[in-house]
Amino acid sequence: MTEANTVQKQKSRGIRKSRSGKVVSKSGDKTVVVLVERRYHHPLYGKQLVAGKKMHTHDEKNEACVGDVVEIRECRPYSRLKRWRLVRIIESAAKPASEVK
């Protein structure tokens, strides 16, 4: 009975998108801005282009720093702008000399 309820809840929520990107800003408490870049070919000229999008992300433990490469996942709205949450830090950036003690 419990397994059926769990499966049904997952189906109703749908598949959530997952992206990876670089933290470009730490804006406020428990919030980071992640730049997600995608590469695509121009339909007419065939040139490879890079398009980027900044996504406000919820960071519950305040563990991400500027320069980190992170994985984010789509979630319920946490605020007016935050629609993504931090899943894990893929690659940590080097700490500035002022923070290291």
PDB file of N, CA and C in Angstrom:
ATOM      1  N   MET A   1       0.820  -1.189   0.000  1.00  0.00           N
ATOM      2  CA  MET A   1       0.000   0.000   0.000  1.00  0.00           C
ATOM      3  C   MET A   1       0.867   1.258   0.000  1.00  0.00           C
ATOM      4  N   THR A   2       1.903   1.271   0.797  1.00  0.00           N
ATOM      5  CA  THR A   2       2.769   2.449   0.856  1.00  0.00           C
ATOM      6  C   THR A   2       3.526   2.639  -0.452  1.00  0.00           C
ATOM      7  N   GLU A   3       3.980   1.568  -1.067  1.00  0.00           N
ATOM      8  CA  GLU A   3       4.713   1.668  -2.333  1.00  0.00           C
ATOM      9  C   GLU A   3       3.818   2.236  -3.422  1.00  0.00           C
ATOM     10  N   ALA A   4       2.555   1.832  -3.444  1.00  0.00           N
ATOM     11  CA  ALA A   4       1.619   2.337  -4.453  1.00  0.00           C
ATOM     12  C   ALA A   4       1.401   3.833  -4.272  1.00  0.00           C
ATOM     13  N   ASN A   5       1.285   4.287  -3.027  1.00  0.00           N
ATOM     14  CA  ASN A   5       1.106   5.721  -2.768  1.00  0.00           C
ATOM     15  C   ASN A   5       2.329   6.513  -3.198  1.00  0.00           C
ATOM     16  N   THR A   6       3.524   5.983  -2.918  1.00  0.00           N
ATOM     17  CA  THR A   6       4.761   6.658  -3.296  1.00  0.00           C
ATOM     18  C   THR A   6       4.880   6.780  -4.810  1.00  0.00           C
ATOM     19  N   VAL A   7       4.577   5.699  -5.521  1.00  0.00           N
ATOM     20  CA  VAL A   7       4.657   5.709  -6.983  1.00  0.00           C
ATOM     21  C   VAL A   7       3.654   6.695  -7.554  1.00  0.00           C
ATOM     22  N   GLN A   8       2.452   6.723  -6.984  1.00  0.00           N
ATOM     23  CA  GLN A   8       1.430   7.636  -7.483  1.00  0.00           C
ATOM     24  C   GLN A   8       1.814   9.096  -7.235  1.00  0.00           C
ATOM     25  N   LYS A   9       2.421   9.397  -6.092  1.00  0.00           N
ATOM     26  CA  LYS A   9       2.867  10.758  -5.810  1.00  0.00           C
ATOM     27  C   LYS A   9       3.944  11.189  -6.794  1.00  0.00           C
ATOM     28  N   GLN A  10       4.872  10.270  -7.100  1.00  0.00           N
ATOM     29  CA  GLN A  10       5.945  10.613  -8.035  1.00  0.00           C
ATOM     30  C   GLN A  10       5.383  10.871  -9.422  1.00  0.00           C
ATOM     31  N   LYS A  11       4.388  10.114  -9.840  1.00  0.00           N
ATOM     32  CA  LYS A  11       3.790  10.327 -11.154  1.00  0.00           C
ATOM     33  C   LYS A  11       3.064  11.664 -11.209  1.00  0.00           C
ATOM     34  N   SER A  12       2.368  12.024 -10.127  1.00  0.00           N
ATOM     35  CA  SER A  12       1.622  13.275 -10.132  1.00  0.00           C
ATOM     36  C   SER A  12       2.553  14.487 -10.123  1.00  0.00           C
ATOM     37  N   ARG A  13       3.739  14.363  -9.489  1.00  0.00           N
ATOM     38  CA  ARG A  13       4.683  15.473  -9.444  1.00  0.00           C
ATOM     39  C   ARG A  13       5.406  15.647 -10.764  1.00  0.00           C
ATOM     40  N   GLY A  14       5.533  14.588 -11.531  1.00  0.00           N
ATOM     41  CA  GLY A  14       6.200  14.663 -12.813  1.00  0.00           C
ATOM     42  C   GLY A  14       7.708  14.571 -12.673  1.00  0.00           C
ATOM     43  N   ILE A  15       8.374  14.564 -13.790  1.00  0.00           N
ATOM     44  CA  ILE A  15       9.827  14.488 -13.807  1.00  0.00           C
ATOM     45  C   ILE A  15      10.373  15.900 -13.666  1.00  0.00           C
ATOM     46  N   ARG A  16      11.297  16.073 -12.742  1.00  0.00           N
ATOM     47  CA  ARG A  16      11.857  17.397 -12.490  1.00  0.00           C
ATOM     48  C   ARG A  16      13.139  17.592 -13.288  1.00  0.00           C
ATOM     49  N   LYS A  17      13.311  18.777 -13.824  1.00  0.00           N
ATOM     50  CA  LYS A  17      14.500  19.084 -14.609  1.00  0.00           C
ATOM     51  C   LYS A  17      15.709  19.235 -13.702  1.00  0.00           C
ATOM     52  N   SER A  18      16.853  18.858 -14.217  1.00  0.00           N
ATOM     53  CA  SER A  18      18.099  18.987 -13.480  1.00  0.00           C
ATOM     54  C   SER A  18      19.124  19.653 -14.387  1.00  0.00           C
ATOM     55  N   ARG A  19      19.853  20.610 -13.853  1.00  0.00           N
ATOM     56  CA  ARG A  19      20.851  21.349 -14.628  1.00  0.00           C
ATOM     57  C   ARG A  19      22.127  21.481 -13.804  1.00  0.00           C
ATOM     58  N   SER A  20      23.220  21.784 -14.468  1.00  0.00           N
ATOM     59  CA  SER A  20      24.447  22.098 -13.750  1.00  0.00           C
ATOM     60  C   SER A  20      24.972  23.438 -14.270  1.00  0.00           C
ATOM     61  N   GLY A  21      25.590  24.195 -13.370  1.00  0.00           N
ATOM     62  CA  GLY A  21      26.076  25.510 -13.744  1.00  0.00           C
ATOM     63  C   GLY A  21      27.035  26.045 -12.705  1.00  0.00           C
ATOM     64  N   LYS A  22      27.453  27.279 -12.910  1.00  0.00           N
ATOM     65  CA  LYS A  22      28.450  27.914 -12.051  1.00  0.00           C
ATOM     66  C   LYS A  22      27.789  28.996 -11.204  1.00  0.00           C
ATOM     67  N   VAL A  23      28.130  29.036  -9.917  1.00  0.00           N
ATOM     68  CA  VAL A  23      27.586  30.053  -9.020  1.00  0.00           C
ATOM     69  C   VAL A  23      28.266  31.383  -9.344  1.00  0.00           C
ATOM     70  N   VAL A  24      27.462  32.385  -9.693  1.00  0.00           N
ATOM     71  CA  VAL A  24      28.018  33.691 -10.056  1.00  0.00           C
ATOM     72  C   VAL A  24      27.770  34.742  -8.986  1.00  0.00           C
ATOM     73  N   SER A  25      26.823  34.481  -8.070  1.00  0.00           N
ATOM     74  CA  SER A  25      26.516  35.460  -7.042  1.00  0.00           C
ATOM     75  C   SER A  25      25.887  34.763  -5.847  1.00  0.00           C
ATOM     76  N   LYS A  26      26.149  35.346  -4.677  1.00  0.00           N
ATOM     77  CA  LYS A  26      25.507  34.869  -3.455  1.00  0.00           C
ATOM     78  C   LYS A  26      24.618  36.015  -3.001  1.00  0.00           C
ATOM     79  N   SER A  27      23.330  35.923  -3.325  1.00  0.00           N
ATOM     80  CA  SER A  27      22.429  37.061  -3.102  1.00  0.00           C
ATOM     81  C   SER A  27      21.500  36.795  -1.930  1.00  0.00           C
ATOM     82  N   GLY A  28      21.925  37.181  -0.754  1.00  0.00           N
ATOM     83  CA  GLY A  28      21.079  37.036   0.413  1.00  0.00           C
ATOM     84  C   GLY A  28      21.274  35.707   1.119  1.00  0.00           C
ATOM     85  N   ASP A  29      20.502  35.505   2.169  1.00  0.00           N
ATOM     86  CA  ASP A  29      20.600  34.296   2.971  1.00  0.00           C
ATOM     87  C   ASP A  29      19.928  33.128   2.257  1.00  0.00           C
ATOM     88  N   LYS A  30      20.621  32.012   2.149  1.00  0.00           N
ATOM     89  CA  LYS A  30      20.122  30.768   1.548  1.00  0.00           C
ATOM     90  C   LYS A  30      19.763  30.907   0.071  1.00  0.00           C
ATOM     91  N   THR A  31      20.405  31.833  -0.623  1.00  0.00           N
ATOM     92  CA  THR A  31      20.139  32.035  -2.046  1.00  0.00           C
ATOM     93  C   THR A  31      21.438  32.214  -2.807  1.00  0.00           C
ATOM     94  N   VAL A  32      21.573  31.501  -3.920  1.00  0.00           N
ATOM     95  CA  VAL A  32      22.695  31.704  -4.828  1.00  0.00           C
ATOM     96  C   VAL A  32      22.132  31.861  -6.241  1.00  0.00           C
ATOM     97  N   VAL A  33      22.875  32.559  -7.084  1.00  0.00           N
ATOM     98  CA  VAL A  33      22.495  32.712  -8.482  1.00  0.00           C
ATOM     99  C   VAL A  33      23.432  31.844  -9.299  1.00  0.00           C
ATOM    100  N   VAL A  34      22.847  30.930 -10.083  1.00  0.00           N
ATOM    101  CA  VAL A  34      23.619  29.965 -10.861  1.00  0.00           C
ATOM    102  C   VAL A  34      23.466  30.290 -12.338  1.00  0.00           C
ATOM    103  N   LEU A  35      24.590  30.376 -13.045  1.00  0.00           N
ATOM    104  CA  LEU A  35      24.578  30.610 -14.483  1.00  0.00           C
ATOM    105  C   LEU A  35      24.640  29.266 -15.191  1.00  0.00           C
ATOM    106  N   VAL A  36      23.579  28.953 -15.937  1.00  0.00           N
ATOM    107  CA  VAL A  36      23.504  27.697 -16.687  1.00  0.00           C
ATOM    108  C   VAL A  36      23.684  28.037 -18.159  1.00  0.00           C
ATOM    109  N   GLU A  37      24.713  27.465 -18.778  1.00  0.00           N
ATOM    110  CA  GLU A  37      24.990  27.733 -20.186  1.00  0.00           C
ATOM    111  C   GLU A  37      24.639  26.521 -21.033  1.00  0.00           C
ATOM    112  N   ARG A  38      24.130  26.776 -22.229  1.00  0.00           N
ATOM    113  CA  ARG A  38      23.849  25.696 -23.167  1.00  0.00           C
ATOM    114  C   ARG A  38      24.422  26.068 -24.526  1.00  0.00           C
ATOM    115  N   ARG A  39      24.878  25.065 -25.249  1.00  0.00           N
ATOM    116  CA  ARG A  39      25.446  25.273 -26.577  1.00  0.00           C
ATOM    117  C   ARG A  39      24.471  24.755 -27.626  1.00  0.00           C
ATOM    118  N   TYR A  40      24.349  25.510 -28.714  1.00  0.00           N
ATOM    119  CA  TYR A  40      23.475  25.076 -29.800  1.00  0.00           C
ATOM    120  C   TYR A  40      23.999  25.625 -31.118  1.00  0.00           C
ATOM    121  N   HIS A  41      23.536  25.040 -32.212  1.00  0.00           N
ATOM    122  CA  HIS A  41      23.928  25.495 -33.545  1.00  0.00           C
ATOM    123  C   HIS A  41      22.875  26.457 -34.086  1.00  0.00           C
ATOM    124  N   HIS A  42      23.346  27.515 -34.743  1.00  0.00           N
ATOM    125  CA  HIS A  42      22.436  28.450 -35.384  1.00  0.00           C
ATOM    126  C   HIS A  42      21.728  27.710 -36.520  1.00  0.00           C
ATOM    127  N   PRO A  43      20.412  27.838 -36.633  1.00  0.00           N
ATOM    128  CA  PRO A  43      19.695  27.042 -37.630  1.00  0.00           C
ATOM    129  C   PRO A  43      20.069  27.347 -39.083  1.00  0.00           C
ATOM    130  N   LEU A  44      20.442  28.589 -39.384  1.00  0.00           N
ATOM    131  CA  LEU A  44      20.765  28.945 -40.762  1.00  0.00           C
ATOM    132  C   LEU A  44      22.263  28.881 -41.039  1.00  0.00           C
ATOM    133  N   TYR A  45      23.069  29.473 -40.151  1.00  0.00           N
ATOM    134  CA  TYR A  45      24.495  29.600 -40.421  1.00  0.00           C
ATOM    135  C   TYR A  45      25.319  28.453 -39.857  1.00  0.00           C
ATOM    136  N   GLY A  46      24.769  27.674 -38.971  1.00  0.00           N
ATOM    137  CA  GLY A  46      25.483  26.512 -38.446  1.00  0.00           C
ATOM    138  C   GLY A  46      26.560  26.838 -37.427  1.00  0.00           C
ATOM    139  N   LYS A  47      26.688  28.102 -37.068  1.00  0.00           N
ATOM    140  CA  LYS A  47      27.701  28.491 -36.093  1.00  0.00           C
ATOM    141  C   LYS A  47      27.273  28.026 -34.700  1.00  0.00           C
ATOM    142  N   GLN A  48      28.252  27.596 -33.910  1.00  0.00           N
ATOM    143  CA  GLN A  48      27.949  27.151 -32.557  1.00  0.00           C
ATOM    144  C   GLN A  48      27.848  28.371 -31.636  1.00  0.00           C
ATOM    145  N   LEU A  49      26.734  28.476 -30.916  1.00  0.00           N
ATOM    146  CA  LEU A  49      26.486  29.604 -30.041  1.00  0.00           C
ATOM    147  C   LEU A  49      26.352  29.128 -28.600  1.00  0.00           C
ATOM    148  N   VAL A  50      26.579  30.052 -27.656  1.00  0.00           N
ATOM    149  CA  VAL A  50      26.431  29.748 -26.238  1.00  0.00           C
ATOM    150  C   VAL A  50      25.391  30.706 -25.674  1.00  0.00           C
ATOM    151  N   ALA A  51      24.342  30.141 -25.083  1.00  0.00           N
ATOM    152  CA  ALA A  51      23.305  30.944 -24.435  1.00  0.00           C
ATOM    153  C   ALA A  51      23.333  30.637 -22.951  1.00  0.00           C
ATOM    154  N   GLY A  52      23.239  31.666 -22.136  1.00  0.00           N
ATOM    155  CA  GLY A  52      23.274  31.479 -20.691  1.00  0.00           C
ATOM    156  C   GLY A  52      22.022  32.019 -20.029  1.00  0.00           C
ATOM    157  N   LYS A  53      21.671  31.419 -18.896  1.00  0.00           N
ATOM    158  CA  LYS A  53      20.518  31.872 -18.143  1.00  0.00           C
ATOM    159  C   LYS A  53      20.859  31.827 -16.663  1.00  0.00           C
ATOM    160  N   LYS A  54      20.511  32.897 -15.943  1.00  0.00           N
ATOM    161  CA  LYS A  54      20.769  32.945 -14.508  1.00  0.00           C
ATOM    162  C   LYS A  54      19.530  32.452 -13.767  1.00  0.00           C
ATOM    163  N   MET A  55      19.752  31.518 -12.839  1.00  0.00           N
ATOM    164  CA  MET A  55      18.649  30.944 -12.087  1.00  0.00           C
ATOM    165  C   MET A  55      18.876  31.142 -10.595  1.00  0.00           C
ATOM    166  N   HIS A  56      17.911  31.728  -9.920  1.00  0.00           N
ATOM    167  CA  HIS A  56      17.985  31.902  -8.473  1.00  0.00           C
ATOM    168  C   HIS A  56      17.694  30.557  -7.828  1.00  0.00           C
ATOM    169  N   THR A  57      18.578  30.133  -6.942  1.00  0.00           N
ATOM    170  CA  THR A  57      18.539  28.781  -6.398  1.00  0.00           C
ATOM    171  C   THR A  57      18.527  28.814  -4.883  1.00  0.00           C
ATOM    172  N   HIS A  58      17.745  27.915  -4.282  1.00  0.00           N
ATOM    173  CA  HIS A  58      17.668  27.805  -2.826  1.00  0.00           C
ATOM    174  C   HIS A  58      18.815  26.924  -2.325  1.00  0.00           C
ATOM    175  N   ASP A  59      19.617  27.465  -1.413  1.00  0.00           N
ATOM    176  CA  ASP A  59      20.748  26.754  -0.814  1.00  0.00           C
ATOM    177  C   ASP A  59      20.494  26.675   0.686  1.00  0.00           C
ATOM    178  N   GLU A  60      19.878  25.581   1.131  1.00  0.00           N
ATOM    179  CA  GLU A  60      19.417  25.450   2.516  1.00  0.00           C
ATOM    180  C   GLU A  60      20.533  25.602   3.534  1.00  0.00           C
ATOM    181  N   LYS A  61      21.717  25.032   3.266  1.00  0.00           N
ATOM    182  CA  LYS A  61      22.806  25.022   4.250  1.00  0.00           C
ATOM    183  C   LYS A  61      23.832  26.135   4.035  1.00  0.00           C
ATOM    184  N   ASN A  62      23.606  27.022   3.082  1.00  0.00           N
ATOM    185  CA  ASN A  62      24.553  28.095   2.754  1.00  0.00           C
ATOM    186  C   ASN A  62      25.956  27.553   2.499  1.00  0.00           C
ATOM    187  N   GLU A  63      26.063  26.460   1.735  1.00  0.00           N
ATOM    188  CA  GLU A  63      27.360  25.832   1.522  1.00  0.00           C
ATOM    189  C   GLU A  63      28.022  26.201   0.201  1.00  0.00           C
ATOM    190  N   ALA A  64      27.289  26.736  -0.755  1.00  0.00           N
ATOM    191  CA  ALA A  64      27.868  27.083  -2.052  1.00  0.00           C
ATOM    192  C   ALA A  64      28.533  28.453  -2.000  1.00  0.00           C
ATOM    193  N   CYS A  65      29.670  28.576  -2.696  1.00  0.00           N
ATOM    194  CA  CYS A  65      30.403  29.839  -2.790  1.00  0.00           C
ATOM    195  C   CYS A  65      30.473  30.263  -4.252  1.00  0.00           C
ATOM    196  N   VAL A  66      30.803  31.513  -4.479  1.00  0.00           N
ATOM    197  CA  VAL A  66      30.955  32.022  -5.839  1.00  0.00           C
ATOM    198  C   VAL A  66      32.093  31.262  -6.527  1.00  0.00           C
ATOM    199  N   GLY A  67      31.828  30.767  -7.721  1.00  0.00           N
ATOM    200  CA  GLY A  67      32.826  30.024  -8.478  1.00  0.00           C
ATOM    201  C   GLY A  67      32.625  28.518  -8.433  1.00  0.00           C
ATOM    202  N   ASP A  68      31.789  28.012  -7.533  1.00  0.00           N
ATOM    203  CA  ASP A  68      31.521  26.575  -7.449  1.00  0.00           C
ATOM    204  C   ASP A  68      30.700  26.118  -8.650  1.00  0.00           C
ATOM    205  N   VAL A  69      30.942  24.898  -9.093  1.00  0.00           N
ATOM    206  CA  VAL A  69      30.107  24.260 -10.111  1.00  0.00           C
ATOM    207  C   VAL A  69      29.132  23.371  -9.357  1.00  0.00           C
ATOM    208  N   VAL A  70      27.829  23.592  -9.573  1.00  0.00           N
ATOM    209  CA  VAL A  70      26.806  22.914  -8.785  1.00  0.00           C
ATOM    210  C   VAL A  70      25.768  22.253  -9.681  1.00  0.00           C
ATOM    211  N   GLU A  71      25.032  21.311  -9.085  1.00  0.00           N
ATOM    212  CA  GLU A  71      23.886  20.698  -9.747  1.00  0.00           C
ATOM    213  C   GLU A  71      22.636  21.220  -9.065  1.00  0.00           C
ATOM    214  N   ILE A  72      21.654  21.665  -9.866  1.00  0.00           N
ATOM    215  CA  ILE A  72      20.411  22.180  -9.319  1.00  0.00           C
ATOM    216  C   ILE A  72      19.240  21.400  -9.901  1.00  0.00           C
ATOM    217  N   ARG A  73      18.116  21.395  -9.182  1.00  0.00           N
ATOM    218  CA  ARG A  73      16.929  20.669  -9.624  1.00  0.00           C
ATOM    219  C   ARG A  73      15.700  21.553  -9.450  1.00  0.00           C
ATOM    220  N   GLU A  74      14.776  21.411 -10.373  1.00  0.00           N
ATOM    221  CA  GLU A  74      13.530  22.163 -10.337  1.00  0.00           C
ATOM    222  C   GLU A  74      12.718  21.767  -9.103  1.00  0.00           C
ATOM    223  N   CYS A  75      12.007  22.728  -8.518  1.00  0.00           N
ATOM    224  CA  CYS A  75      11.225  22.439  -7.314  1.00  0.00           C
ATOM    225  C   CYS A  75      10.044  23.402  -7.225  1.00  0.00           C
ATOM    226  N   ARG A  76       9.327  23.308  -6.121  1.00  0.00           N
ATOM    227  CA  ARG A  76       8.203  24.208  -5.890  1.00  0.00           C
ATOM    228  C   ARG A  76       8.740  25.630  -5.710  1.00  0.00           C
ATOM    229  N   PRO A  77       7.930  26.657  -5.898  1.00  0.00           N
ATOM    230  CA  PRO A  77       8.396  28.024  -5.703  1.00  0.00           C
ATOM    231  C   PRO A  77       8.717  28.308  -4.234  1.00  0.00           C
ATOM    232  N   TYR A  78       9.957  28.730  -3.967  1.00  0.00           N
ATOM    233  CA  TYR A  78      10.337  29.139  -2.620  1.00  0.00           C
ATOM    234  C   TYR A  78      10.067  30.619  -2.412  1.00  0.00           C
ATOM    235  N   SER A  79      10.121  31.398  -3.483  1.00  0.00           N
ATOM    236  CA  SER A  79       9.842  32.829  -3.416  1.00  0.00           C
ATOM    237  C   SER A  79       9.466  33.292  -4.822  1.00  0.00           C
ATOM    238  N   ARG A  80       9.448  34.605  -5.014  1.00  0.00           N
ATOM    239  CA  ARG A  80       9.050  35.147  -6.317  1.00  0.00           C
ATOM    240  C   ARG A  80       9.991  34.709  -7.434  1.00  0.00           C
ATOM    241  N   LEU A  81      11.285  34.590  -7.142  1.00  0.00           N
ATOM    242  CA  LEU A  81      12.268  34.230  -8.158  1.00  0.00           C
ATOM    243  C   LEU A  81      12.807  32.817  -8.032  1.00  0.00           C
ATOM    244  N   LYS A  82      12.822  32.257  -6.832  1.00  0.00           N
ATOM    245  CA  LYS A  82      13.476  30.960  -6.612  1.00  0.00           C
ATOM    246  C   LYS A  82      12.554  29.799  -6.983  1.00  0.00           C
ATOM    247  N   ARG A  83      12.963  29.068  -8.042  1.00  0.00           N
ATOM    248  CA  ARG A  83      12.219  27.898  -8.505  1.00  0.00           C
ATOM    249  C   ARG A  83      13.126  26.677  -8.601  1.00  0.00           C
ATOM    250  N   TRP A  84      14.366  26.795  -8.135  1.00  0.00           N
ATOM    251  CA  TRP A  84      15.351  25.721  -8.198  1.00  0.00           C
ATOM    252  C   TRP A  84      15.962  25.534  -6.822  1.00  0.00           C
ATOM    253  N   ARG A  85      16.481  24.324  -6.556  1.00  0.00           N
ATOM    254  CA  ARG A  85      17.173  24.072  -5.289  1.00  0.00           C
ATOM    255  C   ARG A  85      18.506  23.398  -5.561  1.00  0.00           C
ATOM    256  N   LEU A  86      19.451  23.631  -4.684  1.00  0.00           N
ATOM    257  CA  LEU A  86      20.791  23.059  -4.804  1.00  0.00           C
ATOM    258  C   LEU A  86      20.748  21.587  -4.426  1.00  0.00           C
ATOM    259  N   VAL A  87      21.280  20.726  -5.303  1.00  0.00           N
ATOM    260  CA  VAL A  87      21.327  19.292  -5.035  1.00  0.00           C
ATOM    261  C   VAL A  87      22.686  18.920  -4.456  1.00  0.00           C
ATOM    262  N   ARG A  88      23.760  19.329  -5.169  1.00  0.00           N
ATOM    263  CA  ARG A  88      25.103  19.015  -4.690  1.00  0.00           C
ATOM    264  C   ARG A  88      26.107  19.952  -5.348  1.00  0.00           C
ATOM    265  N   ILE A  89      27.265  20.037  -4.719  1.00  0.00           N
ATOM    266  CA  ILE A  89      28.371  20.808  -5.281  1.00  0.00           C
ATOM    267  C   ILE A  89      29.253  19.832  -6.040  1.00  0.00           C
ATOM    268  N   ILE A  90      29.387  20.044  -7.340  1.00  0.00           N
ATOM    269  CA  ILE A  90      30.184  19.151  -8.184  1.00  0.00           C
ATOM    270  C   ILE A  90      31.663  19.455  -8.021  1.00  0.00           C
ATOM    271  N   GLU A  91      32.010  20.735  -8.117  1.00  0.00           N
ATOM    272  CA  GLU A  91      33.405  21.157  -8.026  1.00  0.00           C
ATOM    273  C   GLU A  91      33.475  22.438  -7.207  1.00  0.00           C
ATOM    274  N   SER A  92      34.280  22.426  -6.169  1.00  0.00           N
ATOM    275  CA  SER A  92      34.398  23.579  -5.294  1.00  0.00           C
ATOM    276  C   SER A  92      35.463  24.530  -5.816  1.00  0.00           C
ATOM    277  N   ALA A  93      35.198  25.825  -5.723  1.00  0.00           N
ATOM    278  CA  ALA A  93      36.168  26.829  -6.132  1.00  0.00           C
ATOM    279  C   ALA A  93      37.204  27.003  -5.025  1.00  0.00           C
ATOM    280  N   ALA A  94      38.357  27.524  -5.378  1.00  0.00           N
ATOM    281  CA  ALA A  94      39.394  27.792  -4.392  1.00  0.00           C
ATOM    282  C   ALA A  94      38.932  28.912  -3.480  1.00  0.00           C
ATOM    283  N   LYS A  95      39.165  28.758  -2.188  1.00  0.00           N
ATOM    284  CA  LYS A  95      38.764  29.767  -1.205  1.00  0.00           C
ATOM    285  C   LYS A  95      39.694  30.973  -1.304  1.00  0.00           C
ATOM    286  N   PRO A  96      39.172  32.193  -1.189  1.00  0.00           N
ATOM    287  CA  PRO A  96      40.038  33.379  -1.166  1.00  0.00           C
ATOM    288  C   PRO A  96      40.920  33.379   0.083  1.00  0.00           C
ATOM    289  N   ALA A  97      42.055  34.042   0.009  1.00  0.00           N
ATOM    290  CA  ALA A  97      43.008  34.079   1.124  1.00  0.00           C
ATOM    291  C   ALA A  97      42.407  34.713   2.368  1.00  0.00           C
ATOM    292  N   SER A  98      41.448  35.632   2.201  1.00  0.00           N
ATOM    293  CA  SER A  98      40.833  36.294   3.358  1.00  0.00           C
ATOM    294  C   SER A  98      39.958  35.340   4.170  1.00  0.00           C
ATOM    295  N   GLU A  99      39.358  34.309   3.515  1.00  0.00           N
ATOM    296  CA  GLU A  99      38.493  33.368   4.216  1.00  0.00           C
ATOM    297  C   GLU A  99      39.261  32.251   4.894  1.00  0.00           C
ATOM    298  N   VAL A 100      40.433  31.896   4.367  1.00  0.00           N
ATOM    299  CA  VAL A 100      41.215  30.801   4.918  1.00  0.00           C
ATOM    300  C   VAL A 100      41.951  31.271   6.175  1.00  0.00           C
ATOM    301  N   LYS A 101      41.750  30.574   7.298  1.00  0.00           N
ATOM    302  CA  LYS A 101      42.408  30.967   8.553  1.00  0.00           C
ATOM    303  C   LYS A 101      42.987  29.768   9.232  1.00  0.00           C
TER     304      LYS A 101
END
